[in-house]
Amino acid sequence: QRELVAGITVGGSSDYADSVKGRFSISRDNAKN
């Protein structure tokens, strides 16, 4: 099944699946969409 890997809020808070914590990092550049 499709699973959530990582997510980020408009304020920059992020959450990760346990399997990727410490290895993956999510970020967003609002100016570049």
Full PDB file with SEQRES, HELIX, SHEET, SSBOND, CRYST1, ORIGX, SCALE, CONECT and MASTER records, all heavy atoms in Angstrom:
SEQRES   1 A   33  GLN ARG GLU LEU VAL ALA GLY ILE THR VAL GLY GLY SER          
SEQRES   2 A   33  SER ASP TYR ALA ASP SER VAL LYS GLY ARG PHE SER ILE          
SEQRES   3 A   33  SER ARG ASP ASN ALA LYS ASN                                  
HELIX    1 AA1 ASP A   18  VAL A   20  5                                   3    
HELIX    2 AA2 ASN A   30  LYS A   32  5                                   3    
SHEET    1 AA1 2 ALA A   6  ILE A   8  0                                        
SHEET    2 AA1 2 SER A  14  TYR A  16 -1                                        
CRYST1    1.000    1.000    1.000  90.00  90.00  90.00 P 1           1          
ORIGX1      1.000000  0.000000  0.000000        0.00000                         
ORIGX2      0.000000  1.000000  0.000000        0.00000                         
ORIGX3      0.000000  0.000000  1.000000        0.00000                         
SCALE1      1.000000  0.000000  0.000000        0.00000                         
SCALE2      0.000000  1.000000  0.000000        0.00000                         
SCALE3      0.000000  0.000000  1.000000        0.00000                         
ATOM      1  N   GLN A   1       0.832  -1.198   0.000  1.00  0.00           N  
ATOM      2  CA  GLN A   1       0.000   0.000   0.000  1.00  0.00           C  
ATOM      3  C   GLN A   1       0.866   1.247   0.000  1.00  0.00           C  
ATOM      4  O   GLN A   1       2.010   1.237   0.460  1.00  0.00           O  
ATOM      5  CB  GLN A   1      -0.912  -0.002   1.235  1.00  0.00           C  
ATOM      6  CG  GLN A   1      -2.017  -1.040   1.196  1.00  0.00           C  
ATOM      7  CD  GLN A   1      -3.010  -0.874   2.330  1.00  0.00           C  
ATOM      8  OE1 GLN A   1      -2.663  -0.363   3.396  1.00  0.00           O  
ATOM      9  NE2 GLN A   1      -4.241  -1.288   2.115  1.00  0.00           N  
ATOM     10  N   ARG A   2       0.283   2.316  -0.525  1.00  0.00           N  
ATOM     11  CA  ARG A   2       0.978   3.603  -0.478  1.00  0.00           C  
ATOM     12  C   ARG A   2       1.077   4.055   0.972  1.00  0.00           C  
ATOM     13  O   ARG A   2       0.122   3.949   1.736  1.00  0.00           O  
ATOM     14  CB  ARG A   2       0.212   4.630  -1.314  1.00  0.00           C  
ATOM     15  CG  ARG A   2       0.959   5.916  -1.566  1.00  0.00           C  
ATOM     16  CD  ARG A   2       0.223   6.799  -2.544  1.00  0.00           C  
ATOM     17  NE  ARG A   2       0.112   6.172  -3.867  1.00  0.00           N  
ATOM     18  CZ  ARG A   2      -0.331   6.807  -4.942  1.00  0.00           C  
ATOM     19  NH1 ARG A   2      -0.699   8.080  -4.850  1.00  0.00           N  
ATOM     20  NH2 ARG A   2      -0.407   6.183  -6.094  1.00  0.00           N  
ATOM     21  N   GLU A   3       2.248   4.562   1.348  1.00  0.00           N  
ATOM     22  CA  GLU A   3       2.463   4.984   2.723  1.00  0.00           C  
ATOM     23  C   GLU A   3       3.070   6.374   2.770  1.00  0.00           C  
ATOM     24  O   GLU A   3       3.813   6.777   1.867  1.00  0.00           O  
ATOM     25  CB  GLU A   3       3.406   4.003   3.443  1.00  0.00           C  
ATOM     26  CG  GLU A   3       4.797   3.920   2.862  1.00  0.00           C  
ATOM     27  CD  GLU A   3       5.740   3.045   3.673  1.00  0.00           C  
ATOM     28  OE1 GLU A   3       5.356   2.577   4.749  1.00  0.00           O  
ATOM     29  OE2 GLU A   3       6.882   2.844   3.215  1.00  0.00           O  
ATOM     30  N   LEU A   4       2.746   7.088   3.854  1.00  0.00           N  
ATOM     31  CA  LEU A   4       3.324   8.406   4.057  1.00  0.00           C  
ATOM     32  C   LEU A   4       4.787   8.265   4.464  1.00  0.00           C  
ATOM     33  O   LEU A   4       5.121   7.510   5.373  1.00  0.00           O  
ATOM     34  CB  LEU A   4       2.552   9.156   5.139  1.00  0.00           C  
ATOM     35  CG  LEU A   4       3.101  10.533   5.528  1.00  0.00           C  
ATOM     36  CD1 LEU A   4       2.982  11.515   4.376  1.00  0.00           C  
ATOM     37  CD2 LEU A   4       2.381  11.068   6.759  1.00  0.00           C  
ATOM     38  N   VAL A   5       5.643   9.003   3.773  1.00  0.00           N  
ATOM     39  CA  VAL A   5       7.071   9.007   4.089  1.00  0.00           C  
ATOM     40  C   VAL A   5       7.409  10.218   4.958  1.00  0.00           C  
ATOM     41  O   VAL A   5       8.075  10.101   5.977  1.00  0.00           O  
ATOM     42  CB  VAL A   5       7.908   9.030   2.800  1.00  0.00           C  
ATOM     43  CG1 VAL A   5       9.394   9.159   3.120  1.00  0.00           C  
ATOM     44  CG2 VAL A   5       7.640   7.791   1.964  1.00  0.00           C  
ATOM     45  N   ALA A   6       6.941  11.388   4.518  1.00  0.00           N  
ATOM     46  CA  ALA A   6       7.244  12.623   5.242  1.00  0.00           C  
ATOM     47  C   ALA A   6       6.239  13.687   4.849  1.00  0.00           C  
ATOM     48  O   ALA A   6       5.698  13.666   3.743  1.00  0.00           O  
ATOM     49  CB  ALA A   6       8.657  13.108   4.920  1.00  0.00           C  
ATOM     50  N   GLY A   7       6.002  14.617   5.766  1.00  0.00           N  
ATOM     51  CA  GLY A   7       5.102  15.724   5.480  1.00  0.00           C  
ATOM     52  C   GLY A   7       5.621  16.986   6.129  1.00  0.00           C  
ATOM     53  O   GLY A   7       6.391  16.932   7.094  1.00  0.00           O  
ATOM     54  N   ILE A   8       5.206  18.125   5.573  1.00  0.00           N  
ATOM     55  CA  ILE A   8       5.655  19.407   6.113  1.00  0.00           C  
ATOM     56  C   ILE A   8       4.511  20.397   6.086  1.00  0.00           C  
ATOM     57  O   ILE A   8       3.759  20.477   5.117  1.00  0.00           O  
ATOM     58  CB  ILE A   8       6.877  19.925   5.314  1.00  0.00           C  
ATOM     59  CG1 ILE A   8       7.455  21.183   5.967  1.00  0.00           C  
ATOM     60  CG2 ILE A   8       6.538  20.159   3.845  1.00  0.00           C  
ATOM     61  CD1 ILE A   8       8.834  21.570   5.439  1.00  0.00           C  
ATOM     62  N   THR A   9       4.369  21.135   7.178  1.00  0.00           N  
ATOM     63  CA  THR A   9       3.295  22.117   7.262  1.00  0.00           C  
ATOM     64  C   THR A   9       3.750  23.460   6.696  1.00  0.00           C  
ATOM     65  O   THR A   9       4.933  23.675   6.410  1.00  0.00           O  
ATOM     66  CB  THR A   9       2.851  22.328   8.710  1.00  0.00           C  
ATOM     67  OG1 THR A   9       3.917  22.979   9.428  1.00  0.00           O  
ATOM     68  CG2 THR A   9       2.520  21.002   9.384  1.00  0.00           C  
ATOM     69  N   VAL A  10       2.803  24.364   6.575  1.00  0.00           N  
ATOM     70  CA  VAL A  10       3.109  25.686   6.046  1.00  0.00           C  
ATOM     71  C   VAL A  10       4.087  26.413   6.968  1.00  0.00           C  
ATOM     72  O   VAL A  10       4.876  27.245   6.507  1.00  0.00           O  
ATOM     73  CB  VAL A  10       1.809  26.505   5.868  1.00  0.00           C  
ATOM     74  CG1 VAL A  10       1.159  26.775   7.213  1.00  0.00           C  
ATOM     75  CG2 VAL A  10       2.060  27.783   5.112  1.00  0.00           C  
ATOM     76  N   GLY A  11       4.091  26.062   8.240  1.00  0.00           N  
ATOM     77  CA  GLY A  11       5.003  26.693   9.188  1.00  0.00           C  
ATOM     78  C   GLY A  11       6.360  26.033   9.261  1.00  0.00           C  
ATOM     79  O   GLY A  11       7.239  26.504   9.993  1.00  0.00           O  
ATOM     80  N   GLY A  12       6.520  24.945   8.531  1.00  0.00           N  
ATOM     81  CA  GLY A  12       7.819  24.276   8.482  1.00  0.00           C  
ATOM     82  C   GLY A  12       7.962  23.077   9.406  1.00  0.00           C  
ATOM     83  O   GLY A  12       9.008  22.440   9.417  1.00  0.00           O  
ATOM     84  N   SER A  13       6.914  22.762  10.162  1.00  0.00           N  
ATOM     85  CA  SER A  13       6.982  21.564  11.002  1.00  0.00           C  
ATOM     86  C   SER A  13       6.897  20.333  10.118  1.00  0.00           C  
ATOM     87  O   SER A  13       6.147  20.311   9.144  1.00  0.00           O  
ATOM     88  CB  SER A  13       5.835  21.560  12.010  1.00  0.00           C  
ATOM     89  OG  SER A  13       5.937  22.659  12.887  1.00  0.00           O  
ATOM     90  N   SER A  14       7.656  19.302  10.479  1.00  0.00           N  
ATOM     91  CA  SER A  14       7.705  18.109   9.644  1.00  0.00           C  
ATOM     92  C   SER A  14       7.489  16.851  10.479  1.00  0.00           C  
ATOM     93  O   SER A  14       7.695  16.846  11.700  1.00  0.00           O  
ATOM     94  CB  SER A  14       9.047  18.030   8.922  1.00  0.00           C  
ATOM     95  OG  SER A  14      10.112  18.041   9.836  1.00  0.00           O  
ATOM     96  N   ASP A  15       7.040  15.816   9.803  1.00  0.00           N  
ATOM     97  CA  ASP A  15       6.906  14.508  10.442  1.00  0.00           C  
ATOM     98  C   ASP A  15       7.367  13.449   9.463  1.00  0.00           C  
ATOM     99  O   ASP A  15       7.326  13.661   8.245  1.00  0.00           O  
ATOM    100  CB  ASP A  15       5.464  14.253  10.891  1.00  0.00           C  
ATOM    101  CG  ASP A  15       4.476  14.302   9.754  1.00  0.00           C  
ATOM    102  OD1 ASP A  15       4.219  15.401   9.237  1.00  0.00           O  
ATOM    103  OD2 ASP A  15       3.982  13.238   9.361  1.00  0.00           O  
ATOM    104  N   TYR A  16       7.809  12.320   9.994  1.00  0.00           N  
ATOM    105  CA  TYR A  16       8.422  11.267   9.194  1.00  0.00           C  
ATOM    106  C   TYR A  16       7.929   9.893   9.622  1.00  0.00           C  
ATOM    107  O   TYR A  16       7.626   9.671  10.798  1.00  0.00           O  
ATOM    108  CB  TYR A  16       9.943  11.311   9.341  1.00  0.00           C  
ATOM    109  CG  TYR A  16      10.568  12.595   8.884  1.00  0.00           C  
ATOM    110  CD1 TYR A  16      10.769  13.654   9.759  1.00  0.00           C  
ATOM    111  CD2 TYR A  16      10.966  12.762   7.552  1.00  0.00           C  
ATOM    112  CE1 TYR A  16      11.323  14.845   9.337  1.00  0.00           C  
ATOM    113  CE2 TYR A  16      11.536  13.949   7.125  1.00  0.00           C  
ATOM    114  CZ  TYR A  16      11.707  14.987   8.024  1.00  0.00           C  
ATOM    115  OH  TYR A  16      12.263  16.162   7.601  1.00  0.00           O  
ATOM    116  N   ALA A  17       7.904   8.994   8.668  1.00  0.00           N  
ATOM    117  CA  ALA A  17       7.690   7.595   8.993  1.00  0.00           C  
ATOM    118  C   ALA A  17       8.879   7.112   9.816  1.00  0.00           C  
ATOM    119  O   ALA A  17      10.013   7.547   9.607  1.00  0.00           O  
ATOM    120  CB  ALA A  17       7.552   6.758   7.726  1.00  0.00           C  
ATOM    121  N   ASP A  18       8.623   6.208  10.744  1.00  0.00           N  
ATOM    122  CA  ASP A  18       9.699   5.705  11.593  1.00  0.00           C  
ATOM    123  C   ASP A  18      10.836   5.117  10.767  1.00  0.00           C  
ATOM    124  O   ASP A  18      12.004   5.221  11.135  1.00  0.00           O  
ATOM    125  CB  ASP A  18       9.153   4.647  12.556  1.00  0.00           C  
ATOM    126  CG  ASP A  18       8.296   5.240  13.662  1.00  0.00           C  
ATOM    127  OD1 ASP A  18       8.375   6.471  13.880  1.00  0.00           O  
ATOM    128  OD2 ASP A  18       7.554   4.477  14.306  1.00  0.00           O  
ATOM    129  N   SER A  19      10.502   4.503   9.657  1.00  0.00           N  
ATOM    130  CA  SER A  19      11.500   3.811   8.849  1.00  0.00           C  
ATOM    131  C   SER A  19      12.499   4.757   8.173  1.00  0.00           C  
ATOM    132  O   SER A  19      13.549   4.317   7.716  1.00  0.00           O  
ATOM    133  CB  SER A  19      10.813   2.960   7.781  1.00  0.00           C  
ATOM    134  OG  SER A  19      10.007   3.769   6.946  1.00  0.00           O  
ATOM    135  N   VAL A  20      12.177   6.047   8.115  1.00  0.00           N  
ATOM    136  CA  VAL A  20      13.071   6.985   7.428  1.00  0.00           C  
ATOM    137  C   VAL A  20      13.621   8.071   8.347  1.00  0.00           C  
ATOM    138  O   VAL A  20      14.435   8.891   7.911  1.00  0.00           O  
ATOM    139  CB  VAL A  20      12.380   7.646   6.215  1.00  0.00           C  
ATOM    140  CG1 VAL A  20      11.798   6.586   5.289  1.00  0.00           C  
ATOM    141  CG2 VAL A  20      11.309   8.634   6.651  1.00  0.00           C  
ATOM    142  N   LYS A  21      13.190   8.084   9.593  1.00  0.00           N  
ATOM    143  CA  LYS A  21      13.662   9.114  10.530  1.00  0.00           C  
ATOM    144  C   LYS A  21      15.179   9.083  10.637  1.00  0.00           C  
ATOM    145  O   LYS A  21      15.788   8.023  10.753  1.00  0.00           O  
ATOM    146  CB  LYS A  21      13.040   8.900  11.913  1.00  0.00           C  
ATOM    147  CG  LYS A  21      11.605   9.371  12.006  1.00  0.00           C  
ATOM    148  CD  LYS A  21      11.044   9.159  13.409  1.00  0.00           C  
ATOM    149  CE  LYS A  21       9.596   9.612  13.496  1.00  0.00           C  
ATOM    150  NZ  LYS A  21       9.006   9.346  14.832  1.00  0.00           N  
ATOM    151  N   GLY A  22      15.773  10.265  10.585  1.00  0.00           N  
ATOM    152  CA  GLY A  22      17.219  10.362  10.671  1.00  0.00           C  
ATOM    153  C   GLY A  22      17.931  10.187   9.347  1.00  0.00           C  
ATOM    154  O   GLY A  22      19.130  10.453   9.246  1.00  0.00           O  
ATOM    155  N   ARG A  23      17.210   9.749   8.321  1.00  0.00           N  
ATOM    156  CA  ARG A  23      17.827   9.555   6.996  1.00  0.00           C  
ATOM    157  C   ARG A  23      17.239  10.486   5.945  1.00  0.00           C  
ATOM    158  O   ARG A  23      17.942  10.913   5.031  1.00  0.00           O  
ATOM    159  CB  ARG A  23      17.630   8.103   6.540  1.00  0.00           C  
ATOM    160  CG  ARG A  23      18.236   7.071   7.456  1.00  0.00           C  
ATOM    161  CD  ARG A  23      18.188   5.674   6.836  1.00  0.00           C  
ATOM    162  NE  ARG A  23      16.830   5.204   6.625  1.00  0.00           N  
ATOM    163  CZ  ARG A  23      16.336   4.849   5.432  1.00  0.00           C  
ATOM    164  NH1 ARG A  23      17.101   4.908   4.356  1.00  0.00           N  
ATOM    165  NH2 ARG A  23      15.091   4.406   5.318  1.00  0.00           N  
ATOM    166  N   PHE A  24      15.964  10.776   6.056  1.00  0.00           N  
ATOM    167  CA  PHE A  24      15.273  11.627   5.079  1.00  0.00           C  
ATOM    168  C   PHE A  24      14.963  12.981   5.696  1.00  0.00           C  
ATOM    169  O   PHE A  24      14.739  13.095   6.911  1.00  0.00           O  
ATOM    170  CB  PHE A  24      13.955  10.996   4.640  1.00  0.00           C  
ATOM    171  CG  PHE A  24      14.078   9.760   3.785  1.00  0.00           C  
ATOM    172  CD1 PHE A  24      15.286   9.096   3.621  1.00  0.00           C  
ATOM    173  CD2 PHE A  24      12.967   9.255   3.124  1.00  0.00           C  
ATOM    174  CE1 PHE A  24      15.389   7.963   2.844  1.00  0.00           C  
ATOM    175  CE2 PHE A  24      13.042   8.127   2.341  1.00  0.00           C  
ATOM    176  CZ  PHE A  24      14.262   7.462   2.202  1.00  0.00           C  
ATOM    177  N   SER A  25      14.918  13.992   4.826  1.00  0.00           N  
ATOM    178  CA  SER A  25      14.583  15.336   5.286  1.00  0.00           C  
ATOM    179  C   SER A  25      13.698  16.016   4.253  1.00  0.00           C  
ATOM    180  O   SER A  25      14.050  16.070   3.069  1.00  0.00           O  
ATOM    181  CB  SER A  25      15.863  16.146   5.497  1.00  0.00           C  
ATOM    182  OG  SER A  25      15.551  17.472   5.890  1.00  0.00           O  
ATOM    183  N   ILE A  26      12.571  16.536   4.703  1.00  0.00           N  
ATOM    184  CA  ILE A  26      11.643  17.221   3.811  1.00  0.00           C  
ATOM    185  C   ILE A  26      11.778  18.729   3.998  1.00  0.00           C  
ATOM    186  O   ILE A  26      12.022  19.217   5.114  1.00  0.00           O  
ATOM    187  CB  ILE A  26      10.189  16.769   4.073  1.00  0.00           C  
ATOM    188  CG1 ILE A  26       9.245  17.330   3.009  1.00  0.00           C  
ATOM    189  CG2 ILE A  26       9.730  17.145   5.482  1.00  0.00           C  
ATOM    190  CD1 ILE A  26       7.825  16.728   3.082  1.00  0.00           C  
ATOM    191  N   SER A  27      11.640  19.464   2.907  1.00  0.00           N  
ATOM    192  CA  SER A  27      11.687  20.918   2.982  1.00  0.00           C  
ATOM    193  C   SER A  27      10.782  21.489   1.894  1.00  0.00           C  
ATOM    194  O   SER A  27      10.375  20.769   0.973  1.00  0.00           O  
ATOM    195  CB  SER A  27      13.121  21.435   2.819  1.00  0.00           C  
ATOM    196  OG  SER A  27      13.661  21.053   1.568  1.00  0.00           O  
ATOM    197  N   ARG A  28      10.488  22.765   2.014  1.00  0.00           N  
ATOM    198  CA  ARG A  28       9.641  23.402   1.011  1.00  0.00           C  
ATOM    199  C   ARG A  28      10.181  24.799   0.708  1.00  0.00           C  
ATOM    200  O   ARG A  28      10.666  25.492   1.601  1.00  0.00           O  
ATOM    201  CB  ARG A  28       8.184  23.477   1.463  1.00  0.00           C  
ATOM    202  CG  ARG A  28       7.939  24.259   2.726  1.00  0.00           C  
ATOM    203  CD  ARG A  28       6.519  24.026   3.269  1.00  0.00           C  
ATOM    204  NE  ARG A  28       5.486  24.670   2.458  1.00  0.00           N  
ATOM    205  CZ  ARG A  28       4.177  24.447   2.617  1.00  0.00           C  
ATOM    206  NH1 ARG A  28       3.765  23.582   3.530  1.00  0.00           N  
ATOM    207  NH2 ARG A  28       3.289  25.070   1.865  1.00  0.00           N  
ATOM    208  N   ASP A  29      10.087  25.173  -0.566  1.00  0.00           N  
ATOM    209  CA  ASP A  29      10.480  26.501  -1.018  1.00  0.00           C  
ATOM    210  C   ASP A  29       9.221  27.142  -1.594  1.00  0.00           C  
ATOM    211  O   ASP A  29       8.870  26.890  -2.753  1.00  0.00           O  
ATOM    212  CB  ASP A  29      11.591  26.405  -2.060  1.00  0.00           C  
ATOM    213  CG  ASP A  29      12.123  27.764  -2.468  1.00  0.00           C  
ATOM    214  OD1 ASP A  29      11.385  28.761  -2.368  1.00  0.00           O  
ATOM    215  OD2 ASP A  29      13.290  27.831  -2.913  1.00  0.00           O  
ATOM    216  N   ASN A  30       8.559  27.937  -0.787  1.00  0.00           N  
ATOM    217  CA  ASN A  30       7.284  28.513  -1.225  1.00  0.00           C  
ATOM    218  C   ASN A  30       7.452  29.444  -2.430  1.00  0.00           C  
ATOM    219  O   ASN A  30       6.566  29.542  -3.273  1.00  0.00           O  
ATOM    220  CB  ASN A  30       6.626  29.261  -0.069  1.00  0.00           C  
ATOM    221  CG  ASN A  30       6.161  28.329   1.033  1.00  0.00           C  
ATOM    222  OD1 ASN A  30       5.877  27.154   0.792  1.00  0.00           O  
ATOM    223  ND2 ASN A  30       6.101  28.838   2.249  1.00  0.00           N  
ATOM    224  N   ALA A  31       8.580  30.102  -2.502  1.00  0.00           N  
ATOM    225  CA  ALA A  31       8.805  31.024  -3.620  1.00  0.00           C  
ATOM    226  C   ALA A  31       8.912  30.289  -4.955  1.00  0.00           C  
ATOM    227  O   ALA A  31       8.569  30.830  -6.006  1.00  0.00           O  
ATOM    228  CB  ALA A  31      10.074  31.832  -3.375  1.00  0.00           C  
ATOM    229  N   LYS A  32       9.375  29.041  -4.894  1.00  0.00           N  
ATOM    230  CA  LYS A  32       9.526  28.235  -6.112  1.00  0.00           C  
ATOM    231  C   LYS A  32       8.415  27.211  -6.254  1.00  0.00           C  
ATOM    232  O   LYS A  32       8.454  26.383  -7.178  1.00  0.00           O  
ATOM    233  CB  LYS A  32      10.884  27.541  -6.109  1.00  0.00           C  
ATOM    234  CG  LYS A  32      12.071  28.499  -6.169  1.00  0.00           C  
ATOM    235  CD  LYS A  32      13.381  27.736  -6.222  1.00  0.00           C  
ATOM    236  CE  LYS A  32      14.558  28.705  -6.327  1.00  0.00           C  
ATOM    237  NZ  LYS A  32      15.862  27.998  -6.369  1.00  0.00           N  
ATOM    238  N   ASN A  33       7.443  27.230  -5.336  1.00  0.00           N  
ATOM    239  CA  ASN A  33       6.331  26.262  -5.378  1.00  0.00           C  
ATOM    240  C   ASN A  33       6.842  24.825  -5.453  1.00  0.00           C  
ATOM    241  O   ASN A  33       6.310  23.999  -6.210  1.00  0.00           O  
ATOM    242  CB  ASN A  33       5.407  26.561  -6.560  1.00  0.00           C  
ATOM    243  CG  ASN A  33       4.778  27.926  -6.454  1.00  0.00           C  
ATOM    244  OD1 ASN A  33       4.520  28.411  -5.356  1.00  0.00           O  
ATOM    245  ND2 ASN A  33       4.556  28.569  -7.586  1.00  0.00           N  
TER     246      ASN A  33                                                      
MASTER        0    0    0    2    2    0    0    6  245    1    0    3          
END                                                                             
